[in-house]
Amino acid sequence: MRKKLYKSQTDRKICGVCGGIAEYFNIDPTIVRLIWAIFIFCLGTGFLAYILAALVLPNQENY
């Protein structure tokens, strides 16, 4: 079975993008959020990337 990248429904702070990425890579969501914050504050591209990911990634279906 293939793994798919979804926005998390259970581990979300804003839209669930970081929680979904953390579930996909099986890592702590805090690490993903810290890396994303670094991209936002240092490079300035993180904000646009987060908005795009929130729009493009589908919501996780709970079965």
PDB file of N, CA and C in Angstrom:
ATOM      1  N   MET A   1       0.837  -1.185   0.000  1.00  0.00           N
ATOM      2  CA  MET A   1       0.000   0.000   0.000  1.00  0.00           C
ATOM      3  C   MET A   1       0.881   1.247   0.000  1.00  0.00           C
ATOM      4  N   ARG A   2       0.565   2.194  -0.863  1.00  0.00           N
ATOM      5  CA  ARG A   2       1.311   3.444  -0.955  1.00  0.00           C
ATOM      6  C   ARG A   2       0.899   4.411   0.143  1.00  0.00           C
ATOM      7  N   LYS A   3       1.897   5.114   0.676  1.00  0.00           N
ATOM      8  CA  LYS A   3       1.598   6.174   1.628  1.00  0.00           C
ATOM      9  C   LYS A   3       1.202   7.417   0.848  1.00  0.00           C
ATOM     10  N   LYS A   4       0.245   8.151   1.363  1.00  0.00           N
ATOM     11  CA  LYS A   4      -0.174   9.398   0.738  1.00  0.00           C
ATOM     12  C   LYS A   4      -0.026  10.533   1.728  1.00  0.00           C
ATOM     13  N   LEU A   5       0.245  11.700   1.194  1.00  0.00           N
ATOM     14  CA  LEU A   5       0.424  12.901   2.014  1.00  0.00           C
ATOM     15  C   LEU A   5      -0.909  13.620   2.131  1.00  0.00           C
ATOM     16  N   TYR A   6      -1.370  13.789   3.366  1.00  0.00           N
ATOM     17  CA  TYR A   6      -2.631  14.461   3.655  1.00  0.00           C
ATOM     18  C   TYR A   6      -2.417  15.523   4.719  1.00  0.00           C
ATOM     19  N   LYS A   7      -3.357  16.450   4.819  1.00  0.00           N
ATOM     20  CA  LYS A   7      -3.397  17.350   5.969  1.00  0.00           C
ATOM     21  C   LYS A   7      -3.970  16.551   7.131  1.00  0.00           C
ATOM     22  N   SER A   8      -3.366  16.685   8.278  1.00  0.00           N
ATOM     23  CA  SER A   8      -3.799  15.934   9.451  1.00  0.00           C
ATOM     24  C   SER A   8      -5.090  16.506  10.015  1.00  0.00           C
ATOM     25  N   GLN A   9      -5.985  15.637  10.416  1.00  0.00           N
ATOM     26  CA  GLN A   9      -7.217  16.053  11.077  1.00  0.00           C
ATOM     27  C   GLN A   9      -7.062  16.027  12.595  1.00  0.00           C
ATOM     28  N   THR A  10      -6.101  15.249  13.096  1.00  0.00           N
ATOM     29  CA  THR A  10      -5.955  15.093  14.539  1.00  0.00           C
ATOM     30  C   THR A  10      -4.842  15.961  15.122  1.00  0.00           C
ATOM     31  N   ASP A  11      -3.788  16.208  14.353  1.00  0.00           N
ATOM     32  CA  ASP A  11      -2.655  16.984  14.857  1.00  0.00           C
ATOM     33  C   ASP A  11      -2.526  18.256  14.034  1.00  0.00           C
ATOM     34  N   ARG A  12      -3.379  19.229  14.335  1.00  0.00           N
ATOM     35  CA  ARG A  12      -3.363  20.458  13.559  1.00  0.00           C
ATOM     36  C   ARG A  12      -3.335  21.650  14.494  1.00  0.00           C
ATOM     37  N   LYS A  13      -2.589  22.652  14.072  1.00  0.00           N
ATOM     38  CA  LYS A  13      -2.557  23.933  14.781  1.00  0.00           C
ATOM     39  C   LYS A  13      -3.266  24.988  13.953  1.00  0.00           C
ATOM     40  N   ILE A  14      -2.976  25.020  12.648  1.00  0.00           N
ATOM     41  CA  ILE A  14      -3.639  25.972  11.756  1.00  0.00           C
ATOM     42  C   ILE A  14      -4.462  25.198  10.734  1.00  0.00           C
ATOM     43  N   CYS A  15      -3.786  24.564   9.786  1.00  0.00           N
ATOM     44  CA  CYS A  15      -4.494  23.814   8.742  1.00  0.00           C
ATOM     45  C   CYS A  15      -4.180  22.325   8.755  1.00  0.00           C
ATOM     46  N   GLY A  16      -3.198  21.892   9.508  1.00  0.00           N
ATOM     47  CA  GLY A  16      -2.836  20.483   9.562  1.00  0.00           C
ATOM     48  C   GLY A  16      -1.732  20.080   8.610  1.00  0.00           C
ATOM     49  N   VAL A  17      -1.104  21.053   7.957  1.00  0.00           N
ATOM     50  CA  VAL A  17      -0.047  20.745   6.988  1.00  0.00           C
ATOM     51  C   VAL A  17       1.161  20.133   7.688  1.00  0.00           C
ATOM     52  N   CYS A  18       1.651  20.752   8.728  1.00  0.00           N
ATOM     53  CA  CYS A  18       2.829  20.241   9.432  1.00  0.00           C
ATOM     54  C   CYS A  18       2.554  18.888  10.087  1.00  0.00           C
ATOM     55  N   GLY A  19       1.368  18.726  10.637  1.00  0.00           N
ATOM     56  CA  GLY A  19       0.993  17.440  11.227  1.00  0.00           C
ATOM     57  C   GLY A  19       0.935  16.341  10.182  1.00  0.00           C
ATOM     58  N   GLY A  20       0.431  16.655   9.011  1.00  0.00           N
ATOM     59  CA  GLY A  20       0.370  15.679   7.929  1.00  0.00           C
ATOM     60  C   GLY A  20       1.742  15.293   7.417  1.00  0.00           C
ATOM     61  N   ILE A  21       2.630  16.274   7.297  1.00  0.00           N
ATOM     62  CA  ILE A  21       3.998  15.983   6.862  1.00  0.00           C
ATOM     63  C   ILE A  21       4.704  15.123   7.904  1.00  0.00           C
ATOM     64  N   ALA A  22       4.497  15.423   9.179  1.00  0.00           N
ATOM     65  CA  ALA A  22       5.114  14.644  10.250  1.00  0.00           C
ATOM     66  C   ALA A  22       4.595  13.209  10.250  1.00  0.00           C
ATOM     67  N   GLU A  23       3.298  13.012  10.023  1.00  0.00           N
ATOM     68  CA  GLU A  23       2.754  11.656   9.947  1.00  0.00           C
ATOM     69  C   GLU A  23       3.325  10.900   8.750  1.00  0.00           C
ATOM     70  N   TYR A  24       3.491  11.581   7.632  1.00  0.00           N
ATOM     71  CA  TYR A  24       4.007  10.952   6.421  1.00  0.00           C
ATOM     72  C   TYR A  24       5.439  10.451   6.621  1.00  0.00           C
ATOM     73  N   PHE A  25       6.286  11.286   7.249  1.00  0.00           N
ATOM     74  CA  PHE A  25       7.681  10.922   7.473  1.00  0.00           C
ATOM     75  C   PHE A  25       7.912  10.240   8.824  1.00  0.00           C
ATOM     76  N   ASN A  26       6.854  10.055   9.616  1.00  0.00           N
ATOM     77  CA  ASN A  26       6.909   9.386  10.914  1.00  0.00           C
ATOM     78  C   ASN A  26       7.920  10.069  11.850  1.00  0.00           C
ATOM     79  N   ILE A  27       7.785  11.407  11.977  1.00  0.00           N
ATOM     80  CA  ILE A  27       8.625  12.174  12.890  1.00  0.00           C
ATOM     81  C   ILE A  27       7.726  13.044  13.769  1.00  0.00           C
ATOM     82  N   ASP A  28       8.327  13.673  14.753  1.00  0.00           N
ATOM     83  CA  ASP A  28       7.595  14.535  15.673  1.00  0.00           C
ATOM     84  C   ASP A  28       7.129  15.801  14.946  1.00  0.00           C
ATOM     85  N   PRO A  29       5.855  16.165  15.061  1.00  0.00           N
ATOM     86  CA  PRO A  29       5.364  17.357  14.372  1.00  0.00           C
ATOM     87  C   PRO A  29       6.019  18.652  14.833  1.00  0.00           C
ATOM     88  N   THR A  30       6.542  18.686  16.045  1.00  0.00           N
ATOM     89  CA  THR A  30       7.223  19.886  16.532  1.00  0.00           C
ATOM     90  C   THR A  30       8.467  20.181  15.699  1.00  0.00           C
ATOM     91  N   ILE A  31       9.157  19.142  15.277  1.00  0.00           N
ATOM     92  CA  ILE A  31      10.343  19.325  14.435  1.00  0.00           C
ATOM     93  C   ILE A  31       9.949  19.939  13.108  1.00  0.00           C
ATOM     94  N   VAL A  32       8.864  19.455  12.517  1.00  0.00           N
ATOM     95  CA  VAL A  32       8.396  19.995  11.241  1.00  0.00           C
ATOM     96  C   VAL A  32       7.991  21.456  11.413  1.00  0.00           C
ATOM     97  N   ARG A  33       7.314  21.777  12.504  1.00  0.00           N
ATOM     98  CA  ARG A  33       6.896  23.159  12.745  1.00  0.00           C
ATOM     99  C   ARG A  33       8.095  24.084  12.946  1.00  0.00           C
ATOM    100  N   LEU A  34       9.129  23.612  13.634  1.00  0.00           N
ATOM    101  CA  LEU A  34      10.334  24.423  13.825  1.00  0.00           C
ATOM    102  C   LEU A  34      11.055  24.667  12.502  1.00  0.00           C
ATOM    103  N   ILE A  35      11.165  23.642  11.674  1.00  0.00           N
ATOM    104  CA  ILE A  35      11.804  23.808  10.365  1.00  0.00           C
ATOM    105  C   ILE A  35      11.002  24.785   9.523  1.00  0.00           C
ATOM    106  N   TRP A  36       9.670  24.670   9.577  1.00  0.00           N
ATOM    107  CA  TRP A  36       8.821  25.572   8.805  1.00  0.00           C
ATOM    108  C   TRP A  36       8.986  27.012   9.297  1.00  0.00           C
ATOM    109  N   ALA A  37       9.106  27.201  10.611  1.00  0.00           N
ATOM    110  CA  ALA A  37       9.296  28.543  11.163  1.00  0.00           C
ATOM    111  C   ALA A  37      10.628  29.132  10.713  1.00  0.00           C
ATOM    112  N   ILE A  38      11.662  28.309  10.625  1.00  0.00           N
ATOM    113  CA  ILE A  38      12.956  28.781  10.134  1.00  0.00           C
ATOM    114  C   ILE A  38      12.833  29.263   8.701  1.00  0.00           C
ATOM    115  N   PHE A  39      12.111  28.492   7.866  1.00  0.00           N
ATOM    116  CA  PHE A  39      11.906  28.909   6.479  1.00  0.00           C
ATOM    117  C   PHE A  39      11.128  30.219   6.399  1.00  0.00           C
ATOM    118  N   ILE A  40      10.170  30.406   7.283  1.00  0.00           N
ATOM    119  CA  ILE A  40       9.380  31.636   7.260  1.00  0.00           C
ATOM    120  C   ILE A  40      10.234  32.838   7.664  1.00  0.00           C
ATOM    121  N   PHE A  41      10.986  32.722   8.761  1.00  0.00           N
ATOM    122  CA  PHE A  41      11.716  33.869   9.284  1.00  0.00           C
ATOM    123  C   PHE A  41      13.045  34.136   8.581  1.00  0.00           C
ATOM    124  N   CYS A  42      13.718  33.093   8.124  1.00  0.00           N
ATOM    125  CA  CYS A  42      15.036  33.298   7.504  1.00  0.00           C
ATOM    126  C   CYS A  42      14.963  33.478   5.994  1.00  0.00           C
ATOM    127  N   LEU A  43      14.214  32.645   5.336  1.00  0.00           N
ATOM    128  CA  LEU A  43      14.199  32.681   3.881  1.00  0.00           C
ATOM    129  C   LEU A  43      12.989  33.423   3.317  1.00  0.00           C
ATOM    130  N   GLY A  44      11.913  33.504   4.097  1.00  0.00           N
ATOM    131  CA  GLY A  44      10.730  34.217   3.649  1.00  0.00           C
ATOM    132  C   GLY A  44       9.835  33.429   2.721  1.00  0.00           C
ATOM    133  N   THR A  45      10.263  32.238   2.322  1.00  0.00           N
ATOM    134  CA  THR A  45       9.461  31.443   1.390  1.00  0.00           C
ATOM    135  C   THR A  45       8.500  30.491   2.095  1.00  0.00           C
ATOM    136  N   GLY A  46       8.672  30.305   3.370  1.00  0.00           N
ATOM    137  CA  GLY A  46       7.855  29.340   4.106  1.00  0.00           C
ATOM    138  C   GLY A  46       6.393  29.708   4.161  1.00  0.00           C
ATOM    139  N   PHE A  47       6.088  30.989   4.251  1.00  0.00           N
ATOM    140  CA  PHE A  47       4.690  31.412   4.349  1.00  0.00           C
ATOM    141  C   PHE A  47       3.928  31.074   3.071  1.00  0.00           C
ATOM    142  N   LEU A  48       4.491  31.404   1.938  1.00  0.00           N
ATOM    143  CA  LEU A  48       3.855  31.101   0.661  1.00  0.00           C
ATOM    144  C   LEU A  48       3.748  29.590   0.455  1.00  0.00           C
ATOM    145  N   ALA A  49       4.791  28.862   0.816  1.00  0.00           N
ATOM    146  CA  ALA A  49       4.772  27.404   0.674  1.00  0.00           C
ATOM    147  C   ALA A  49       3.692  26.787   1.561  1.00  0.00           C
ATOM    148  N   TYR A  50       3.509  27.317   2.777  1.00  0.00           N
ATOM    149  CA  TYR A  50       2.479  26.793   3.669  1.00  0.00           C
ATOM    150  C   TYR A  50       1.085  27.041   3.097  1.00  0.00           C
ATOM    151  N   ILE A  51       0.855  28.240   2.586  1.00  0.00           N
ATOM    152  CA  ILE A  51      -0.446  28.560   1.992  1.00  0.00           C
ATOM    153  C   ILE A  51      -0.727  27.642   0.802  1.00  0.00           C
ATOM    154  N   LEU A  52       0.270  27.454  -0.055  1.00  0.00           N
ATOM    155  CA  LEU A  52       0.091  26.564  -1.205  1.00  0.00           C
ATOM    156  C   LEU A  52      -0.172  25.123  -0.767  1.00  0.00           C
ATOM    157  N   ALA A  53       0.559  24.648   0.229  1.00  0.00           N
ATOM    158  CA  ALA A  53       0.355  23.285   0.725  1.00  0.00           C
ATOM    159  C   ALA A  53      -1.024  23.134   1.349  1.00  0.00           C
ATOM    160  N   ALA A  54      -1.486  24.151   2.063  1.00  0.00           N
ATOM    161  CA  ALA A  54      -2.820  24.099   2.676  1.00  0.00           C
ATOM    162  C   ALA A  54      -3.912  24.041   1.614  1.00  0.00           C
ATOM    163  N   LEU A  55      -3.676  24.672   0.473  1.00  0.00           N
ATOM    164  CA  LEU A  55      -4.665  24.654  -0.598  1.00  0.00           C
ATOM    165  C   LEU A  55      -4.614  23.371  -1.424  1.00  0.00           C
ATOM    166  N   VAL A  56      -3.424  22.817  -1.606  1.00  0.00           N
ATOM    167  CA  VAL A  56      -3.244  21.676  -2.503  1.00  0.00           C
ATOM    168  C   VAL A  56      -3.461  20.331  -1.818  1.00  0.00           C
ATOM    169  N   LEU A  57      -2.980  20.183  -0.580  1.00  0.00           N
ATOM    170  CA  LEU A  57      -3.081  18.891   0.091  1.00  0.00           C
ATOM    171  C   LEU A  57      -4.529  18.569   0.449  1.00  0.00           C
ATOM    172  N   PRO A  58      -4.944  17.332   0.189  1.00  0.00           N
ATOM    173  CA  PRO A  58      -6.305  16.941   0.569  1.00  0.00           C
ATOM    174  C   PRO A  58      -6.393  16.669   2.072  1.00  0.00           C
ATOM    175  N   ASN A  59      -7.592  16.742   2.608  1.00  0.00           N
ATOM    176  CA  ASN A  59      -7.814  16.411   4.014  1.00  0.00           C
ATOM    177  C   ASN A  59      -7.729  14.914   4.196  1.00  0.00           C
ATOM    178  N   GLN A  60      -7.273  14.502   5.379  1.00  0.00           N
ATOM    179  CA  GLN A  60      -7.165  13.096   5.705  1.00  0.00           C
ATOM    180  C   GLN A  60      -8.559  12.546   5.976  1.00  0.00           C
ATOM    181  N   GLU A  61      -8.857  11.421   5.384  1.00  0.00           N
ATOM    182  CA  GLU A  61     -10.140  10.757   5.616  1.00  0.00           C
ATOM    183  C   GLU A  61     -10.001   9.796   6.782  1.00  0.00           C
ATOM    184  N   ASN A  62     -10.887   9.884   7.744  1.00  0.00           N
ATOM    185  CA  ASN A  62     -10.875   8.979   8.885  1.00  0.00           C
ATOM    186  C   ASN A  62     -11.775   7.789   8.575  1.00  0.00           C
ATOM    187  N   TYR A  63     -11.170   6.609   8.532  1.00  0.00           N
ATOM    188  CA  TYR A  63     -11.949   5.402   8.230  1.00  0.00           C
ATOM    189  C   TYR A  63     -12.184   4.622   9.489  1.00  0.00           C
TER     190      TYR A  63
END
